[in-house]
Amino acid sequence: MKQFLLLCLVFAALFAANASVLPAANQHGEMVWQDEVFNPVRDKCIFSCTNQGLSVCAYNGQCLQLFTSRCKMSAYNCRNPQKRFDIVENYRCTQGHVPLCSKA
């Protein structure tokens, strides 16, 4: 009987150890590992941008966007990798070469 109880405890411990790696859904409905629900991964897109930098004109293949700094453009690109902007010459944003995007 003691051996059976010990075997049950070992099985329960193994099951509890593996329960943290089961898939789960977070508050946004995205599939994540269950341990990430209780210990969330820190947001990698946290930028401390100031308005001290030079403004940059950027293009995403559809429109131009004038960002107040490179830092703000990098933060936008981090949060929106599917709509990535690349820096172009600043005069393009002021001389109407391509339509401007909405304000960022």
PDB file of N, CA and C in Angstrom:
ATOM      1  N   MET A   1       0.816  -1.191   0.000  1.00  0.00           N
ATOM      2  CA  MET A   1       0.000   0.000   0.000  1.00  0.00           C
ATOM      3  C   MET A   1       0.866   1.265   0.000  1.00  0.00           C
ATOM      4  N   LYS A   2       1.953   1.225   0.782  1.00  0.00           N
ATOM      5  CA  LYS A   2       2.841   2.378   0.837  1.00  0.00           C
ATOM      6  C   LYS A   2       3.482   2.639  -0.520  1.00  0.00           C
ATOM      7  N   GLN A   3       3.819   1.557  -1.225  1.00  0.00           N
ATOM      8  CA  GLN A   3       4.425   1.723  -2.535  1.00  0.00           C
ATOM      9  C   GLN A   3       3.434   2.342  -3.513  1.00  0.00           C
ATOM     10  N   PHE A   4       2.173   1.938  -3.423  1.00  0.00           N
ATOM     11  CA  PHE A   4       1.143   2.504  -4.303  1.00  0.00           C
ATOM     12  C   PHE A   4       0.950   3.994  -4.014  1.00  0.00           C
ATOM     13  N   LEU A   5       0.906   4.343  -2.742  1.00  0.00           N
ATOM     14  CA  LEU A   5       0.753   5.747  -2.351  1.00  0.00           C
ATOM     15  C   LEU A   5       1.956   6.569  -2.821  1.00  0.00           C
ATOM     16  N   LEU A   6       3.153   6.027  -2.685  1.00  0.00           N
ATOM     17  CA  LEU A   6       4.362   6.706  -3.149  1.00  0.00           C
ATOM     18  C   LEU A   6       4.334   6.878  -4.666  1.00  0.00           C
ATOM     19  N   LEU A   7       3.886   5.858  -5.375  1.00  0.00           N
ATOM     20  CA  LEU A   7       3.772   5.938  -6.822  1.00  0.00           C
ATOM     21  C   LEU A   7       2.761   7.006  -7.236  1.00  0.00           C
ATOM     22  N   CYS A   8       1.651   7.085  -6.515  1.00  0.00           N
ATOM     23  CA  CYS A   8       0.636   8.126  -6.791  1.00  0.00           C
ATOM     24  C   CYS A   8       1.209   9.518  -6.556  1.00  0.00           C
ATOM     25  N   LEU A   9       1.972   9.702  -5.501  1.00  0.00           N
ATOM     26  CA  LEU A   9       2.572  11.002  -5.203  1.00  0.00           C
ATOM     27  C   LEU A   9       3.581  11.387  -6.277  1.00  0.00           C
ATOM     28  N   VAL A  10       4.369  10.439  -6.738  1.00  0.00           N
ATOM     29  CA  VAL A  10       5.340  10.715  -7.796  1.00  0.00           C
ATOM     30  C   VAL A  10       4.602  11.092  -9.077  1.00  0.00           C
ATOM     31  N   PHE A  11       3.559  10.352  -9.407  1.00  0.00           N
ATOM     32  CA  PHE A  11       2.773  10.654 -10.601  1.00  0.00           C
ATOM     33  C   PHE A  11       2.135  12.043 -10.505  1.00  0.00           C
ATOM     34  N   ALA A  12       1.589  12.386  -9.339  1.00  0.00           N
ATOM     35  CA  ALA A  12       0.973  13.704  -9.139  1.00  0.00           C
ATOM     36  C   ALA A  12       2.021  14.807  -9.264  1.00  0.00           C
ATOM     37  N   ALA A  13       3.207  14.585  -8.737  1.00  0.00           N
ATOM     38  CA  ALA A  13       4.272  15.587  -8.833  1.00  0.00           C
ATOM     39  C   ALA A  13       4.705  15.775 -10.279  1.00  0.00           C
ATOM     40  N   LEU A  14       4.838  14.692 -11.017  1.00  0.00           N
ATOM     41  CA  LEU A  14       5.204  14.802 -12.432  1.00  0.00           C
ATOM     42  C   LEU A  14       4.123  15.518 -13.225  1.00  0.00           C
ATOM     43  N   PHE A  15       2.877  15.204 -12.942  1.00  0.00           N
ATOM     44  CA  PHE A  15       1.773  15.852 -13.650  1.00  0.00           C
ATOM     45  C   PHE A  15       1.736  17.346 -13.328  1.00  0.00           C
ATOM     46  N   ALA A  16       1.951  17.703 -12.065  1.00  0.00           N
ATOM     47  CA  ALA A  16       1.946  19.111 -11.668  1.00  0.00           C
ATOM     48  C   ALA A  16       3.120  19.855 -12.301  1.00  0.00           C
ATOM     49  N   ALA A  17       4.263  19.205 -12.425  1.00  0.00           N
ATOM     50  CA  ALA A  17       5.430  19.855 -13.038  1.00  0.00           C
ATOM     51  C   ALA A  17       5.193  20.110 -14.519  1.00  0.00           C
ATOM     52  N   ASN A  18       4.498  19.220 -15.193  1.00  0.00           N
ATOM     53  CA  ASN A  18       4.245  19.378 -16.620  1.00  0.00           C
ATOM     54  C   ASN A  18       3.012  20.223 -16.906  1.00  0.00           C
ATOM     55  N   ALA A  19       2.188  20.499 -15.919  1.00  0.00           N
ATOM     56  CA  ALA A  19       0.973  21.281 -16.145  1.00  0.00           C
ATOM     57  C   ALA A  19       1.297  22.710 -16.548  1.00  0.00           C
ATOM     58  N   SER A  20       2.456  23.220 -16.144  1.00  0.00           N
ATOM     59  CA  SER A  20       2.807  24.596 -16.463  1.00  0.00           C
ATOM     60  C   SER A  20       3.206  24.786 -17.917  1.00  0.00           C
ATOM     61  N   VAL A  21       3.454  23.696 -18.644  1.00  0.00           N
ATOM     62  CA  VAL A  21       3.851  23.829 -20.026  1.00  0.00           C
ATOM     63  C   VAL A  21       2.716  23.498 -20.998  1.00  0.00           C
ATOM     64  N   LEU A  22       1.513  23.366 -20.486  1.00  0.00           N
ATOM     65  CA  LEU A  22       0.368  23.123 -21.354  1.00  0.00           C
ATOM     66  C   LEU A  22      -0.053  24.421 -22.022  1.00  0.00           C
ATOM     67  N   PRO A  23      -0.566  24.354 -23.253  1.00  0.00           N
ATOM     68  CA  PRO A  23      -1.023  25.584 -23.906  1.00  0.00           C
ATOM     69  C   PRO A  23      -2.262  26.147 -23.228  1.00  0.00           C
ATOM     70  N   ALA A  24      -2.389  27.468 -23.289  1.00  0.00           N
ATOM     71  CA  ALA A  24      -3.539  28.167 -22.707  1.00  0.00           C
ATOM     72  C   ALA A  24      -3.803  29.398 -23.561  1.00  0.00           C
ATOM     73  N   ALA A  25      -4.868  30.112 -23.277  1.00  0.00           N
ATOM     74  CA  ALA A  25      -5.185  31.352 -23.983  1.00  0.00           C
ATOM     75  C   ALA A  25      -5.008  32.517 -23.015  1.00  0.00           C
ATOM     76  N   ASN A  26      -4.357  33.596 -23.487  1.00  0.00           N
ATOM     77  CA  ASN A  26      -4.200  34.780 -22.646  1.00  0.00           C
ATOM     78  C   ASN A  26      -5.426  35.684 -22.767  1.00  0.00           C
ATOM     79  N   GLN A  27      -5.366  36.891 -22.192  1.00  0.00           N
ATOM     80  CA  GLN A  27      -6.516  37.796 -22.182  1.00  0.00           C
ATOM     81  C   GLN A  27      -6.871  38.312 -23.564  1.00  0.00           C
ATOM     82  N   HIS A  28      -5.951  38.160 -24.538  1.00  0.00           N
ATOM     83  CA  HIS A  28      -6.211  38.608 -25.908  1.00  0.00           C
ATOM     84  C   HIS A  28      -6.682  37.463 -26.800  1.00  0.00           C
ATOM     85  N   GLY A  29      -6.858  36.269 -26.230  1.00  0.00           N
ATOM     86  CA  GLY A  29      -7.281  35.115 -27.001  1.00  0.00           C
ATOM     87  C   GLY A  29      -6.158  34.442 -27.766  1.00  0.00           C
ATOM     88  N   GLU A  30      -4.908  34.835 -27.506  1.00  0.00           N
ATOM     89  CA  GLU A  30      -3.758  34.255 -28.184  1.00  0.00           C
ATOM     90  C   GLU A  30      -3.304  33.006 -27.427  1.00  0.00           C
ATOM     91  N   MET A  31      -2.859  32.001 -28.173  1.00  0.00           N
ATOM     92  CA  MET A  31      -2.364  30.780 -27.543  1.00  0.00           C
ATOM     93  C   MET A  31      -0.966  31.030 -26.983  1.00  0.00           C
ATOM     94  N   VAL A  32      -0.783  30.739 -25.708  1.00  0.00           N
ATOM     95  CA  VAL A  32       0.504  30.884 -25.036  1.00  0.00           C
ATOM     96  C   VAL A  32       0.701  29.668 -24.142  1.00  0.00           C
ATOM     97  N   TRP A  33       1.914  29.496 -23.633  1.00  0.00           N
ATOM     98  CA  TRP A  33       2.147  28.436 -22.661  1.00  0.00           C
ATOM     99  C   TRP A  33       1.576  28.876 -21.324  1.00  0.00           C
ATOM    100  N   GLN A  34       1.060  27.927 -20.595  1.00  0.00           N
ATOM    101  CA  GLN A  34       0.351  28.246 -19.353  1.00  0.00           C
ATOM    102  C   GLN A  34       1.230  28.991 -18.359  1.00  0.00           C
ATOM    103  N   ASP A  35       2.530  28.715 -18.329  1.00  0.00           N
ATOM    104  CA  ASP A  35       3.396  29.433 -17.392  1.00  0.00           C
ATOM    105  C   ASP A  35       3.530  30.905 -17.768  1.00  0.00           C
ATOM    106  N   GLU A  36       3.292  31.270 -19.054  1.00  0.00           N
ATOM    107  CA  GLU A  36       3.337  32.673 -19.464  1.00  0.00           C
ATOM    108  C   GLU A  36       2.096  33.431 -19.001  1.00  0.00           C
ATOM    109  N   VAL A  37       0.997  32.713 -18.755  1.00  0.00           N
ATOM    110  CA  VAL A  37      -0.213  33.365 -18.255  1.00  0.00           C
ATOM    111  C   VAL A  37       0.031  33.855 -16.836  1.00  0.00           C
ATOM    112  N   PHE A  38       0.710  33.041 -16.032  1.00  0.00           N
ATOM    113  CA  PHE A  38       0.962  33.402 -14.638  1.00  0.00           C
ATOM    114  C   PHE A  38       2.243  34.208 -14.468  1.00  0.00           C
ATOM    115  N   ASN A  39       3.202  34.060 -15.371  1.00  0.00           N
ATOM    116  CA  ASN A  39       4.460  34.807 -15.355  1.00  0.00           C
ATOM    117  C   ASN A  39       4.644  35.431 -16.728  1.00  0.00           C
ATOM    118  N   PRO A  40       3.919  36.520 -17.035  1.00  0.00           N
ATOM    119  CA  PRO A  40       3.961  37.059 -18.393  1.00  0.00           C
ATOM    120  C   PRO A  40       5.351  37.519 -18.812  1.00  0.00           C
ATOM    121  N   VAL A  41       5.611  37.354 -20.105  1.00  0.00           N
ATOM    122  CA  VAL A  41       6.869  37.810 -20.679  1.00  0.00           C
ATOM    123  C   VAL A  41       6.813  39.329 -20.772  1.00  0.00           C
ATOM    124  N   ARG A  42       7.884  39.988 -20.378  1.00  0.00           N
ATOM    125  CA  ARG A  42       7.932  41.447 -20.401  1.00  0.00           C
ATOM    126  C   ARG A  42       7.812  41.958 -21.838  1.00  0.00           C
ATOM    127  N   ASP A  43       7.058  43.023 -22.016  1.00  0.00           N
ATOM    128  CA  ASP A  43       6.851  43.604 -23.341  1.00  0.00           C
ATOM    129  C   ASP A  43       8.181  44.087 -23.892  1.00  0.00           C
ATOM    130  N   LYS A  44       8.603  43.552 -25.037  1.00  0.00           N
ATOM    131  CA  LYS A  44       9.881  43.931 -25.628  1.00  0.00           C
ATOM    132  C   LYS A  44       9.790  45.257 -26.372  1.00  0.00           C
ATOM    133  N   CYS A  45       8.591  45.793 -26.516  1.00  0.00           N
ATOM    134  CA  CYS A  45       8.407  47.024 -27.293  1.00  0.00           C
ATOM    135  C   CYS A  45       8.215  48.250 -26.403  1.00  0.00           C
ATOM    136  N   ILE A  46       8.760  48.220 -25.206  1.00  0.00           N
ATOM    137  CA  ILE A  46       8.685  49.387 -24.333  1.00  0.00           C
ATOM    138  C   ILE A  46       9.875  50.287 -24.656  1.00  0.00           C
ATOM    139  N   PHE A  47       9.588  51.463 -25.176  1.00  0.00           N
ATOM    140  CA  PHE A  47      10.631  52.433 -25.531  1.00  0.00           C
ATOM    141  C   PHE A  47      10.405  53.692 -24.697  1.00  0.00           C
ATOM    142  N   SER A  48      11.469  54.324 -24.269  1.00  0.00           N
ATOM    143  CA  SER A  48      11.386  55.596 -23.545  1.00  0.00           C
ATOM    144  C   SER A  48      11.828  56.698 -24.497  1.00  0.00           C
ATOM    145  N   CYS A  49      10.940  57.071 -25.398  1.00  0.00           N
ATOM    146  CA  CYS A  49      11.270  58.065 -26.416  1.00  0.00           C
ATOM    147  C   CYS A  49      10.990  59.471 -25.903  1.00  0.00           C
ATOM    148  N   THR A  50      11.834  60.384 -26.289  1.00  0.00           N
ATOM    149  CA  THR A  50      11.614  61.797 -25.980  1.00  0.00           C
ATOM    150  C   THR A  50      11.358  62.530 -27.289  1.00  0.00           C
ATOM    151  N   ASN A  51      10.939  63.747 -27.207  1.00  0.00           N
ATOM    152  CA  ASN A  51      10.736  64.565 -28.405  1.00  0.00           C
ATOM    153  C   ASN A  51      11.987  65.385 -28.725  1.00  0.00           C
ATOM    154  N   GLN A  52      13.129  64.965 -28.191  1.00  0.00           N
ATOM    155  CA  GLN A  52      14.378  65.678 -28.373  1.00  0.00           C
ATOM    156  C   GLN A  52      15.061  65.350 -29.705  1.00  0.00           C
ATOM    157  N   GLY A  53      14.762  64.182 -30.283  1.00  0.00           N
ATOM    158  CA  GLY A  53      15.448  63.756 -31.501  1.00  0.00           C
ATOM    159  C   GLY A  53      14.970  64.506 -32.730  1.00  0.00           C
ATOM    160  N   LEU A  54      15.660  64.286 -33.837  1.00  0.00           N
ATOM    161  CA  LEU A  54      15.279  64.888 -35.107  1.00  0.00           C
ATOM    162  C   LEU A  54      14.125  64.100 -35.707  1.00  0.00           C
ATOM    163  N   SER A  55      13.221  64.791 -36.359  1.00  0.00           N
ATOM    164  CA  SER A  55      12.117  64.098 -37.010  1.00  0.00           C
ATOM    165  C   SER A  55      12.644  63.326 -38.210  1.00  0.00           C
ATOM    166  N   VAL A  56      11.983  62.216 -38.517  1.00  0.00           N
ATOM    167  CA  VAL A  56      12.387  61.381 -39.644  1.00  0.00           C
ATOM    168  C   VAL A  56      11.185  61.074 -40.515  1.00  0.00           C
ATOM    169  N   CYS A  57      11.411  61.067 -41.810  1.00  0.00           N
ATOM    170  CA  CYS A  57      10.398  60.693 -42.779  1.00  0.00           C
ATOM    171  C   CYS A  57      10.603  59.210 -43.072  1.00  0.00           C
ATOM    172  N   ALA A  58       9.514  58.440 -43.109  1.00  0.00           N
ATOM    173  CA  ALA A  58       9.619  57.001 -43.330  1.00  0.00           C
ATOM    174  C   ALA A  58       8.550  56.542 -44.308  1.00  0.00           C
ATOM    175  N   TYR A  59       8.838  55.434 -44.985  1.00  0.00           N
ATOM    176  CA  TYR A  59       7.950  54.905 -46.014  1.00  0.00           C
ATOM    177  C   TYR A  59       7.713  53.420 -45.753  1.00  0.00           C
ATOM    178  N   ASN A  60       6.460  52.982 -45.895  1.00  0.00           N
ATOM    179  CA  ASN A  60       6.135  51.571 -45.660  1.00  0.00           C
ATOM    180  C   ASN A  60       5.692  50.842 -46.931  1.00  0.00           C
ATOM    181  N   GLY A  61       5.921  51.436 -48.078  1.00  0.00           N
ATOM    182  CA  GLY A  61       5.512  50.828 -49.335  1.00  0.00           C
ATOM    183  C   GLY A  61       4.169  51.333 -49.829  1.00  0.00           C
ATOM    184  N   GLN A  62       3.433  52.040 -48.965  1.00  0.00           N
ATOM    185  CA  GLN A  62       2.126  52.572 -49.331  1.00  0.00           C
ATOM    186  C   GLN A  62       2.019  54.070 -49.113  1.00  0.00           C
ATOM    187  N   CYS A  63       2.575  54.548 -48.026  1.00  0.00           N
ATOM    188  CA  CYS A  63       2.461  55.969 -47.705  1.00  0.00           C
ATOM    189  C   CYS A  63       3.669  56.420 -46.896  1.00  0.00           C
ATOM    190  N   LEU A  64       3.827  57.721 -46.797  1.00  0.00           N
ATOM    191  CA  LEU A  64       4.904  58.328 -46.020  1.00  0.00           C
ATOM    192  C   LEU A  64       4.385  58.715 -44.645  1.00  0.00           C
ATOM    193  N   GLN A  65       5.261  58.663 -43.666  1.00  0.00           N
ATOM    194  CA  GLN A  65       4.897  59.047 -42.301  1.00  0.00           C
ATOM    195  C   GLN A  65       6.030  59.870 -41.719  1.00  0.00           C
ATOM    196  N   LEU A  66       5.714  61.006 -41.121  1.00  0.00           N
ATOM    197  CA  LEU A  66       6.712  61.821 -40.447  1.00  0.00           C
ATOM    198  C   LEU A  66       6.660  61.498 -38.957  1.00  0.00           C
ATOM    199  N   PHE A  67       7.714  60.852 -38.454  1.00  0.00           N
ATOM    200  CA  PHE A  67       7.826  60.524 -37.029  1.00  0.00           C
ATOM    201  C   PHE A  67       8.632  61.614 -36.341  1.00  0.00           C
ATOM    202  N   THR A  68       8.315  61.893 -35.088  1.00  0.00           N
ATOM    203  CA  THR A  68       9.020  62.950 -34.363  1.00  0.00           C
ATOM    204  C   THR A  68      10.442  62.552 -33.985  1.00  0.00           C
ATOM    205  N   SER A  69      10.772  61.249 -34.037  1.00  0.00           N
ATOM    206  CA  SER A  69      12.143  60.789 -33.769  1.00  0.00           C
ATOM    207  C   SER A  69      12.324  59.375 -34.295  1.00  0.00           C
ATOM    208  N   ARG A  70      13.588  58.965 -34.425  1.00  0.00           N
ATOM    209  CA  ARG A  70      13.883  57.579 -34.819  1.00  0.00           C
ATOM    210  C   ARG A  70      13.349  56.607 -33.781  1.00  0.00           C
ATOM    211  N   CYS A  71      13.425  57.009 -32.518  1.00  0.00           N
ATOM    212  CA  CYS A  71      12.957  56.157 -31.428  1.00  0.00           C
ATOM    213  C   CYS A  71      11.463  55.855 -31.589  1.00  0.00           C
ATOM    214  N   LYS A  72      10.670  56.873 -31.895  1.00  0.00           N
ATOM    215  CA  LYS A  72       9.232  56.652 -32.063  1.00  0.00           C
ATOM    216  C   LYS A  72       8.942  55.769 -33.270  1.00  0.00           C
ATOM    217  N   MET A  73       9.735  55.896 -34.328  1.00  0.00           N
ATOM    218  CA  MET A  73       9.566  55.016 -35.480  1.00  0.00           C
ATOM    219  C   MET A  73       9.922  53.574 -35.100  1.00  0.00           C
ATOM    220  N   SER A  74      10.992  53.391 -34.338  1.00  0.00           N
ATOM    221  CA  SER A  74      11.387  52.048 -33.903  1.00  0.00           C
ATOM    222  C   SER A  74      10.324  51.421 -33.009  1.00  0.00           C
ATOM    223  N   ALA A  75       9.734  52.226 -32.125  1.00  0.00           N
ATOM    224  CA  ALA A  75       8.660  51.720 -31.268  1.00  0.00           C
ATOM    225  C   ALA A  75       7.456  51.296 -32.106  1.00  0.00           C
ATOM    226  N   TYR A  76       7.101  52.103 -33.105  1.00  0.00           N
ATOM    227  CA  TYR A  76       5.991  51.758 -33.995  1.00  0.00           C
ATOM    228  C   TYR A  76       6.301  50.457 -34.741  1.00  0.00           C
ATOM    229  N   ASN A  77       7.509  50.344 -35.288  1.00  0.00           N
ATOM    230  CA  ASN A  77       7.881  49.143 -36.032  1.00  0.00           C
ATOM    231  C   ASN A  77       7.877  47.899 -35.153  1.00  0.00           C
ATOM    232  N   CYS A  78       8.256  48.051 -33.900  1.00  0.00           N
ATOM    233  CA  CYS A  78       8.256  46.917 -32.979  1.00  0.00           C
ATOM    234  C   CYS A  78       6.830  46.430 -32.729  1.00  0.00           C
ATOM    235  N   ARG A  79       5.906  47.362 -32.556  1.00  0.00           N
ATOM    236  CA  ARG A  79       4.509  47.000 -32.277  1.00  0.00           C
ATOM    237  C   ARG A  79       3.730  46.613 -33.530  1.00  0.00           C
ATOM    238  N   ASN A  80       4.206  47.014 -34.698  1.00  0.00           N
ATOM    239  CA  ASN A  80       3.505  46.750 -35.959  1.00  0.00           C
ATOM    240  C   ASN A  80       4.474  46.186 -36.997  1.00  0.00           C
ATOM    241  N   PRO A  81       5.010  44.985 -36.781  1.00  0.00           N
ATOM    242  CA  PRO A  81       6.017  44.458 -37.706  1.00  0.00           C
ATOM    243  C   PRO A  81       5.470  44.221 -39.117  1.00  0.00           C
ATOM    244  N   GLN A  82       4.177  44.053 -39.263  1.00  0.00           N
ATOM    245  CA  GLN A  82       3.595  43.838 -40.586  1.00  0.00           C
ATOM    246  C   GLN A  82       3.449  45.143 -41.361  1.00  0.00           C
ATOM    247  N   LYS A  83       3.573  46.285 -40.702  1.00  0.00           N
ATOM    248  CA  LYS A  83       3.460  47.599 -41.347  1.00  0.00           C
ATOM    249  C   LYS A  83       4.753  48.393 -41.156  1.00  0.00           C
ATOM    250  N   ARG A  84       5.875  47.750 -41.293  1.00  0.00           N
ATOM    251  CA  ARG A  84       7.182  48.332 -40.996  1.00  0.00           C
ATOM    252  C   ARG A  84       7.519  49.535 -41.882  1.00  0.00           C
ATOM    253  N   PHE A  85       8.025  50.591 -41.252  1.00  0.00           N
ATOM    254  CA  PHE A  85       8.482  51.797 -41.952  1.00  0.00           C
ATOM    255  C   PHE A  85       9.997  51.793 -42.048  1.00  0.00           C
ATOM    256  N   ASP A  86      10.523  52.311 -43.166  1.00  0.00           N
ATOM    257  CA  ASP A  86      11.955  52.500 -43.360  1.00  0.00           C
ATOM    258  C   ASP A  86      12.211  53.985 -43.616  1.00  0.00           C
ATOM    259  N   ILE A  87      13.321  54.483 -43.096  1.00  0.00           N
ATOM    260  CA  ILE A  87      13.639  55.909 -43.226  1.00  0.00           C
ATOM    261  C   ILE A  87      13.956  56.250 -44.678  1.00  0.00           C
ATOM    262  N   VAL A  88      13.408  57.380 -45.119  1.00  0.00           N
ATOM    263  CA  VAL A  88      13.712  57.937 -46.444  1.00  0.00           C
ATOM    264  C   VAL A  88      14.110  59.398 -46.238  1.00  0.00           C
ATOM    265  N   GLU A  89      14.440  60.079 -47.316  1.00  0.00           N
ATOM    266  CA  GLU A  89      14.846  61.476 -47.219  1.00  0.00           C
ATOM    267  C   GLU A  89      13.694  62.315 -46.655  1.00  0.00           C
ATOM    268  N   ASN A  90      14.017  63.250 -45.754  1.00  0.00           N
ATOM    269  CA  ASN A  90      12.982  64.055 -45.097  1.00  0.00           C
ATOM    270  C   ASN A  90      12.181  64.925 -46.067  1.00  0.00           C
ATOM    271  N   TYR A  91      12.799  65.355 -47.160  1.00  0.00           N
ATOM    272  CA  TYR A  91      12.071  66.228 -48.086  1.00  0.00           C
ATOM    273  C   TYR A  91      10.857  65.519 -48.694  1.00  0.00           C
ATOM    274  N   ARG A  92      10.865  64.197 -48.738  1.00  0.00           N
ATOM    275  CA  ARG A  92       9.738  63.467 -49.319  1.00  0.00           C
ATOM    276  C   ARG A  92       8.440  63.713 -48.547  1.00  0.00           C
ATOM    277  N   CYS A  93       8.526  63.897 -47.237  1.00  0.00           N
ATOM    278  CA  CYS A  93       7.323  64.126 -46.431  1.00  0.00           C
ATOM    279  C   CYS A  93       6.788  65.549 -46.595  1.00  0.00           C
ATOM    280  N   THR A  94       7.616  66.448 -47.084  1.00  0.00           N
ATOM    281  CA  THR A  94       7.180  67.849 -47.172  1.00  0.00           C
ATOM    282  C   THR A  94       6.829  68.276 -48.586  1.00  0.00           C
ATOM    283  N   GLN A  95       7.220  67.487 -49.578  1.00  0.00           N
ATOM    284  CA  GLN A  95       6.988  67.919 -50.969  1.00  0.00           C
ATOM    285  C   GLN A  95       5.932  67.080 -51.701  1.00  0.00           C
ATOM    286  N   GLY A  96       5.152  66.290 -50.981  1.00  0.00           N
ATOM    287  CA  GLY A  96       4.019  65.592 -51.577  1.00  0.00           C
ATOM    288  C   GLY A  96       4.349  64.548 -52.626  1.00  0.00           C
ATOM    289  N   HIS A  97       5.452  63.799 -52.451  1.00  0.00           N
ATOM    290  CA  HIS A  97       5.828  62.768 -53.422  1.00  0.00           C
ATOM    291  C   HIS A  97       4.859  61.592 -53.414  1.00  0.00           C
ATOM    292  N   VAL A  98       4.512  61.100 -52.269  1.00  0.00           N
ATOM    293  CA  VAL A  98       3.600  59.968 -52.084  1.00  0.00           C
ATOM    294  C   VAL A  98       2.597  60.415 -51.030  1.00  0.00           C
ATOM    295  N   PRO A  99       1.395  59.900 -51.023  1.00  0.00           N
ATOM    296  CA  PRO A  99       0.431  60.311 -49.982  1.00  0.00           C
ATOM    297  C   PRO A  99       0.971  60.085 -48.580  1.00  0.00           C
ATOM    298  N   LEU A 100       0.676  61.024 -47.689  1.00  0.00           N
ATOM    299  CA  LEU A 100       1.069  60.878 -46.293  1.00  0.00           C
ATOM    300  C   LEU A 100       0.072  59.978 -45.573  1.00  0.00           C
ATOM    301  N   CYS A 101       0.583  59.169 -44.656  1.00  0.00           N
ATOM    302  CA  CYS A 101      -0.277  58.353 -43.804  1.00  0.00           C
ATOM    303  C   CYS A 101      -0.950  59.268 -42.790  1.00  0.00           C
ATOM    304  N   SER A 102      -1.880  58.722 -42.041  1.00  0.00           N
ATOM    305  CA  SER A 102      -2.484  59.520 -40.975  1.00  0.00           C
ATOM    306  C   SER A 102      -1.436  59.804 -39.906  1.00  0.00           C
ATOM    307  N   LYS A 103      -1.708  60.738 -39.042  1.00  0.00           N
ATOM    308  CA  LYS A 103      -0.757  61.121 -37.971  1.00  0.00           C
ATOM    309  C   LYS A 103      -0.495  59.945 -37.063  1.00  0.00           C
ATOM    310  N   ALA A 104       0.769  59.755 -36.678  1.00  0.00           N
ATOM    311  CA  ALA A 104       1.143  58.670 -35.764  1.00  0.00           C
ATOM    312  C   ALA A 104       1.209  59.186 -34.344  1.00  0.00           C
TER     313      ALA A 104
END
